[in-house]
Amino acid sequence: MDQENAIEVFAALSQPTRIAAFRLLVKVGPEGLPALEISRRLGTVPSTLSGHLSILKHAGILKSTRHQREIHYAANLETVNELIRFLLSDCCGGKTENCADILSLLDLQATP
């Protein structure tokens, strides 16, 4: 990921409904949810949510698949990983002992 892509992702997330939708989809995992279920869980109007989901998808942090008449959305965890790698690639000038809290958090989240 480069700086322009990172800025696009942050811009997409910089709105309350969009960050709530993204966090919900991260929470439910790779299977994702239908758009109407996301709308129900967030208490948003489906037509308004559709625009928000489109922005997140365009930024690359959501994926969508069509299941008959429904569109399912899921977090694109590959892009999230790329963003984290981009943000932390030069963490503390290579002095990883200064980044111990961040690294331990990432390790804890990765272990089953």
N, C-alpha and C. Protein backbone atom coordinates (compact mmCIF):
# COMPACT_ATOMS: atom_id res chain seq x y z
N MET A 1 0.85 -1.17 0.00
CA MET A 1 0.00 0.00 0.00
C MET A 1 0.89 1.23 0.00
N ASP A 2 0.46 2.24 -0.73
CA ASP A 2 1.21 3.49 -0.73
C ASP A 2 0.41 4.56 0.01
N GLN A 3 0.99 5.73 0.10
CA GLN A 3 0.39 6.81 0.89
C GLN A 3 -0.97 7.23 0.33
N GLU A 4 -1.11 7.31 -0.99
CA GLU A 4 -2.39 7.70 -1.59
C GLU A 4 -3.50 6.72 -1.25
N ASN A 5 -3.20 5.42 -1.32
CA ASN A 5 -4.20 4.40 -0.96
C ASN A 5 -4.57 4.50 0.51
N ALA A 6 -3.57 4.70 1.37
CA ALA A 6 -3.84 4.83 2.81
C ALA A 6 -4.74 6.03 3.08
N ILE A 7 -4.48 7.13 2.42
CA ILE A 7 -5.32 8.33 2.60
C ILE A 7 -6.75 8.05 2.15
N GLU A 8 -6.91 7.33 1.05
CA GLU A 8 -8.24 6.99 0.56
C GLU A 8 -9.00 6.12 1.57
N VAL A 9 -8.30 5.16 2.17
CA VAL A 9 -8.92 4.30 3.18
C VAL A 9 -9.34 5.14 4.39
N PHE A 10 -8.44 5.98 4.87
CA PHE A 10 -8.78 6.81 6.03
C PHE A 10 -9.92 7.76 5.72
N ALA A 11 -9.94 8.32 4.52
CA ALA A 11 -11.04 9.21 4.14
C ALA A 11 -12.36 8.44 4.13
N ALA A 12 -12.34 7.22 3.62
CA ALA A 12 -13.56 6.40 3.59
C ALA A 12 -14.06 6.09 4.99
N LEU A 13 -13.14 5.90 5.91
CA LEU A 13 -13.53 5.56 7.29
C LEU A 13 -13.88 6.78 8.14
N SER A 14 -13.66 7.97 7.61
CA SER A 14 -13.80 9.18 8.43
C SER A 14 -15.24 9.70 8.49
N GLN A 15 -16.17 8.81 8.69
CA GLN A 15 -17.58 9.15 8.82
C GLN A 15 -18.21 8.11 9.75
N PRO A 16 -19.03 8.53 10.70
CA PRO A 16 -19.55 7.61 11.73
C PRO A 16 -20.25 6.36 11.21
N THR A 17 -21.12 6.48 10.23
CA THR A 17 -21.83 5.30 9.72
C THR A 17 -20.88 4.35 9.02
N ARG A 18 -19.93 4.91 8.26
CA ARG A 18 -19.00 4.05 7.53
C ARG A 18 -18.08 3.30 8.48
N ILE A 19 -17.56 3.97 9.49
CA ILE A 19 -16.68 3.25 10.42
C ILE A 19 -17.47 2.23 11.22
N ALA A 20 -18.72 2.53 11.54
CA ALA A 20 -19.56 1.56 12.25
C ALA A 20 -19.82 0.33 11.38
N ALA A 21 -20.09 0.54 10.10
CA ALA A 21 -20.33 -0.58 9.19
C ALA A 21 -19.06 -1.42 9.04
N PHE A 22 -17.93 -0.75 8.89
CA PHE A 22 -16.67 -1.48 8.75
C PHE A 22 -16.38 -2.30 10.00
N ARG A 23 -16.53 -1.71 11.17
CA ARG A 23 -16.27 -2.43 12.42
C ARG A 23 -17.21 -3.61 12.60
N LEU A 24 -18.47 -3.43 12.23
CA LEU A 24 -19.43 -4.53 12.29
C LEU A 24 -18.98 -5.68 11.39
N LEU A 25 -18.55 -5.35 10.18
CA LEU A 25 -18.14 -6.40 9.24
C LEU A 25 -16.84 -7.07 9.66
N VAL A 26 -15.95 -6.34 10.30
CA VAL A 26 -14.74 -6.97 10.85
C VAL A 26 -15.15 -7.94 11.95
N LYS A 27 -16.10 -7.53 12.75
CA LYS A 27 -16.55 -8.36 13.88
C LYS A 27 -17.19 -9.67 13.40
N VAL A 28 -18.01 -9.61 12.35
CA VAL A 28 -18.70 -10.83 11.91
C VAL A 28 -17.80 -11.76 11.11
N GLY A 29 -16.70 -11.24 10.59
CA GLY A 29 -15.74 -12.11 9.92
C GLY A 29 -15.94 -12.21 8.42
N PRO A 30 -15.22 -13.15 7.82
CA PRO A 30 -15.16 -13.24 6.36
C PRO A 30 -16.48 -13.56 5.67
N GLU A 31 -17.43 -14.13 6.39
CA GLU A 31 -18.71 -14.45 5.74
C GLU A 31 -19.53 -13.20 5.46
N GLY A 32 -19.28 -12.12 6.20
CA GLY A 32 -19.97 -10.86 5.96
C GLY A 32 -21.44 -10.91 6.26
N LEU A 33 -22.15 -9.90 5.78
CA LEU A 33 -23.59 -9.78 6.01
C LEU A 33 -24.26 -9.19 4.78
N PRO A 34 -25.55 -9.52 4.59
CA PRO A 34 -26.30 -8.85 3.53
C PRO A 34 -26.47 -7.36 3.87
N ALA A 35 -26.57 -6.55 2.85
CA ALA A 35 -26.70 -5.10 3.04
C ALA A 35 -27.88 -4.75 3.95
N LEU A 36 -29.01 -5.42 3.77
CA LEU A 36 -30.18 -5.11 4.60
C LEU A 36 -29.95 -5.45 6.07
N GLU A 37 -29.18 -6.50 6.34
CA GLU A 37 -28.87 -6.86 7.72
C GLU A 37 -27.92 -5.83 8.34
N ILE A 38 -26.97 -5.34 7.56
CA ILE A 38 -26.08 -4.29 8.05
C ILE A 38 -26.92 -3.07 8.41
N SER A 39 -27.84 -2.70 7.53
CA SER A 39 -28.72 -1.56 7.77
C SER A 39 -29.54 -1.76 9.04
N ARG A 40 -30.09 -2.95 9.21
CA ARG A 40 -30.90 -3.24 10.40
C ARG A 40 -30.08 -3.12 11.67
N ARG A 41 -28.88 -3.72 11.66
CA ARG A 41 -28.04 -3.71 12.87
C ARG A 41 -27.54 -2.31 13.22
N LEU A 42 -27.33 -1.49 12.20
CA LEU A 42 -26.84 -0.13 12.46
C LEU A 42 -27.97 0.88 12.64
N GLY A 43 -29.18 0.47 12.30
CA GLY A 43 -30.32 1.39 12.40
C GLY A 43 -30.26 2.51 11.38
N THR A 44 -29.80 2.18 10.18
CA THR A 44 -29.70 3.18 9.12
C THR A 44 -30.69 2.88 8.00
N VAL A 45 -30.98 3.89 7.23
CA VAL A 45 -31.85 3.73 6.06
C VAL A 45 -31.06 2.99 4.98
N PRO A 46 -31.64 1.91 4.41
CA PRO A 46 -30.89 1.12 3.41
C PRO A 46 -30.33 1.95 2.25
N SER A 47 -31.09 2.90 1.74
CA SER A 47 -30.60 3.68 0.60
C SER A 47 -29.41 4.55 1.00
N THR A 48 -29.41 5.08 2.20
CA THR A 48 -28.28 5.88 2.69
C THR A 48 -27.07 4.98 2.91
N LEU A 49 -27.30 3.82 3.51
CA LEU A 49 -26.20 2.89 3.78
C LEU A 49 -25.54 2.43 2.48
N SER A 50 -26.33 2.26 1.44
CA SER A 50 -25.80 1.81 0.16
C SER A 50 -24.68 2.73 -0.33
N GLY A 51 -24.86 4.02 -0.20
CA GLY A 51 -23.83 4.98 -0.59
C GLY A 51 -22.58 4.84 0.25
N HIS A 52 -22.77 4.64 1.55
CA HIS A 52 -21.63 4.47 2.45
C HIS A 52 -20.85 3.19 2.11
N LEU A 53 -21.57 2.10 1.87
CA LEU A 53 -20.91 0.85 1.53
C LEU A 53 -20.15 0.96 0.21
N SER A 54 -20.71 1.71 -0.71
CA SER A 54 -20.04 1.93 -1.99
C SER A 54 -18.71 2.66 -1.81
N ILE A 55 -18.68 3.65 -0.94
CA ILE A 55 -17.44 4.39 -0.65
C ILE A 55 -16.40 3.47 -0.04
N LEU A 56 -16.82 2.65 0.91
CA LEU A 56 -15.89 1.71 1.56
C LEU A 56 -15.38 0.68 0.56
N LYS A 57 -16.25 0.23 -0.32
CA LYS A 57 -15.83 -0.74 -1.34
C LYS A 57 -14.85 -0.10 -2.31
N HIS A 58 -15.13 1.11 -2.72
CA HIS A 58 -14.23 1.81 -3.65
C HIS A 58 -12.85 2.01 -3.03
N ALA A 59 -12.79 2.22 -1.72
CA ALA A 59 -11.51 2.39 -1.03
C ALA A 59 -10.78 1.05 -0.87
N GLY A 60 -11.48 -0.04 -1.14
CA GLY A 60 -10.84 -1.36 -1.11
C GLY A 60 -10.91 -2.07 0.22
N ILE A 61 -11.64 -1.53 1.19
CA ILE A 61 -11.68 -2.20 2.49
C ILE A 61 -12.94 -3.03 2.71
N LEU A 62 -13.80 -3.05 1.70
CA LEU A 62 -14.94 -3.98 1.71
C LEU A 62 -14.94 -4.74 0.39
N LYS A 63 -15.45 -5.96 0.46
CA LYS A 63 -15.70 -6.78 -0.72
C LYS A 63 -17.20 -7.03 -0.77
N SER A 64 -17.70 -7.24 -1.96
CA SER A 64 -19.13 -7.58 -2.08
C SER A 64 -19.31 -8.76 -3.01
N THR A 65 -20.32 -9.54 -2.70
CA THR A 65 -20.71 -10.66 -3.55
C THR A 65 -22.23 -10.68 -3.64
N ARG A 66 -22.70 -11.06 -4.79
CA ARG A 66 -24.16 -11.15 -4.97
C ARG A 66 -24.60 -12.57 -4.66
N HIS A 67 -25.63 -12.68 -3.82
CA HIS A 67 -26.26 -13.95 -3.50
C HIS A 67 -27.73 -13.80 -3.89
N GLN A 68 -28.05 -14.28 -5.08
CA GLN A 68 -29.38 -14.10 -5.67
C GLN A 68 -29.70 -12.61 -5.73
N ARG A 69 -30.67 -12.14 -4.96
CA ARG A 69 -31.07 -10.73 -5.03
C ARG A 69 -30.37 -9.86 -3.99
N GLU A 70 -29.59 -10.48 -3.10
CA GLU A 70 -28.94 -9.74 -2.02
C GLU A 70 -27.46 -9.53 -2.34
N ILE A 71 -26.96 -8.41 -1.86
CA ILE A 71 -25.52 -8.17 -1.93
C ILE A 71 -24.97 -8.32 -0.52
N HIS A 72 -24.00 -9.21 -0.39
CA HIS A 72 -23.32 -9.43 0.89
C HIS A 72 -22.03 -8.64 0.88
N TYR A 73 -21.75 -8.00 2.01
CA TYR A 73 -20.51 -7.25 2.16
C TYR A 73 -19.67 -7.89 3.26
N ALA A 74 -18.37 -7.85 3.08
CA ALA A 74 -17.42 -8.37 4.07
C ALA A 74 -16.21 -7.45 4.08
N ALA A 75 -15.56 -7.38 5.23
CA ALA A 75 -14.33 -6.60 5.32
C ALA A 75 -13.26 -7.27 4.47
N ASN A 76 -12.51 -6.46 3.74
CA ASN A 76 -11.39 -6.96 2.95
C ASN A 76 -10.16 -6.93 3.86
N LEU A 77 -9.94 -8.02 4.56
CA LEU A 77 -8.87 -8.07 5.56
C LEU A 77 -7.48 -7.98 4.94
N GLU A 78 -7.35 -8.34 3.68
CA GLU A 78 -6.06 -8.18 3.01
C GLU A 78 -5.68 -6.71 2.95
N THR A 79 -6.63 -5.87 2.61
CA THR A 79 -6.37 -4.43 2.55
C THR A 79 -6.09 -3.87 3.94
N VAL A 80 -6.81 -4.35 4.94
CA VAL A 80 -6.57 -3.91 6.31
C VAL A 80 -5.16 -4.28 6.73
N ASN A 81 -4.74 -5.50 6.41
CA ASN A 81 -3.37 -5.92 6.73
C ASN A 81 -2.34 -5.05 6.01
N GLU A 82 -2.60 -4.73 4.75
CA GLU A 82 -1.68 -3.86 4.00
C GLU A 82 -1.59 -2.48 4.65
N LEU A 83 -2.72 -1.96 5.10
CA LEU A 83 -2.73 -0.65 5.75
C LEU A 83 -1.92 -0.67 7.03
N ILE A 84 -2.11 -1.70 7.84
CA ILE A 84 -1.34 -1.83 9.09
C ILE A 84 0.14 -1.96 8.79
N ARG A 85 0.49 -2.77 7.79
CA ARG A 85 1.89 -2.92 7.39
C ARG A 85 2.47 -1.57 6.96
N PHE A 86 1.71 -0.82 6.17
CA PHE A 86 2.15 0.49 5.72
C PHE A 86 2.39 1.42 6.91
N LEU A 87 1.45 1.43 7.85
CA LEU A 87 1.57 2.33 9.01
C LEU A 87 2.73 1.97 9.92
N LEU A 88 3.03 0.69 10.03
CA LEU A 88 4.04 0.25 10.98
C LEU A 88 5.37 -0.15 10.35
N SER A 89 5.49 0.01 9.04
CA SER A 89 6.69 -0.47 8.37
C SER A 89 7.98 0.18 8.88
N ASP A 90 7.92 1.40 9.31
CA ASP A 90 9.11 2.09 9.82
C ASP A 90 8.98 2.38 11.31
N CYS A 91 8.19 1.58 11.99
CA CYS A 91 7.89 1.82 13.40
C CYS A 91 9.17 1.96 14.22
N CYS A 92 9.31 3.07 14.87
CA CYS A 92 10.41 3.34 15.80
C CYS A 92 11.78 3.17 15.16
N GLY A 93 11.89 3.43 13.87
CA GLY A 93 13.17 3.35 13.20
C GLY A 93 13.83 1.99 13.32
N GLY A 94 13.03 0.95 13.38
CA GLY A 94 13.58 -0.40 13.47
C GLY A 94 13.84 -0.86 14.89
N LYS A 95 13.64 0.00 15.86
CA LYS A 95 13.84 -0.36 17.27
C LYS A 95 12.53 -0.96 17.79
N THR A 96 12.35 -2.23 17.52
CA THR A 96 11.07 -2.87 17.83
C THR A 96 10.75 -2.89 19.31
N GLU A 97 11.77 -2.75 20.16
CA GLU A 97 11.47 -2.71 21.60
C GLU A 97 10.59 -1.51 21.95
N ASN A 98 10.64 -0.44 21.15
CA ASN A 98 9.79 0.72 21.39
C ASN A 98 8.35 0.48 20.93
N CYS A 99 8.16 -0.55 20.16
CA CYS A 99 6.83 -0.88 19.61
C CYS A 99 6.25 -2.13 20.27
N ALA A 100 6.76 -2.50 21.40
CA ALA A 100 6.36 -3.76 22.04
C ALA A 100 4.86 -3.84 22.28
N ASP A 101 4.23 -2.74 22.70
CA ASP A 101 2.79 -2.78 22.95
C ASP A 101 2.00 -3.07 21.68
N ILE A 102 2.37 -2.41 20.60
CA ILE A 102 1.68 -2.62 19.33
C ILE A 102 1.91 -4.05 18.85
N LEU A 103 3.15 -4.48 18.88
CA LEU A 103 3.48 -5.82 18.39
C LEU A 103 2.80 -6.91 19.22
N SER A 104 2.73 -6.71 20.53
CA SER A 104 2.08 -7.72 21.37
C SER A 104 0.58 -7.74 21.10
N LEU A 105 -0.01 -6.61 20.84
CA LEU A 105 -1.43 -6.56 20.50
C LEU A 105 -1.68 -7.33 19.20
N LEU A 106 -0.84 -7.11 18.21
CA LEU A 106 -0.99 -7.84 16.96
C LEU A 106 -0.79 -9.33 17.15
N ASP A 107 0.17 -9.73 17.98
CA ASP A 107 0.40 -11.15 18.26
C ASP A 107 -0.78 -11.76 18.99
N LEU A 108 -1.33 -11.04 19.96
CA LEU A 108 -2.48 -11.56 20.71
C LEU A 108 -3.69 -11.75 19.79
N GLN A 109 -3.89 -10.83 18.89
CA GLN A 109 -5.03 -10.92 18.00
C GLN A 109 -4.88 -12.05 16.99
N ALA A 110 -3.65 -12.43 16.67
CA ALA A 110 -3.42 -13.45 15.65
C ALA A 110 -3.50 -14.87 16.21
N THR A 111 -3.34 -15.03 17.51
CA THR A 111 -3.34 -16.38 18.08
C THR A 111 -4.78 -16.85 18.31
N PRO A 112 -5.04 -18.12 18.01
CA PRO A 112 -6.42 -18.64 18.18
C PRO A 112 -6.75 -18.87 19.64
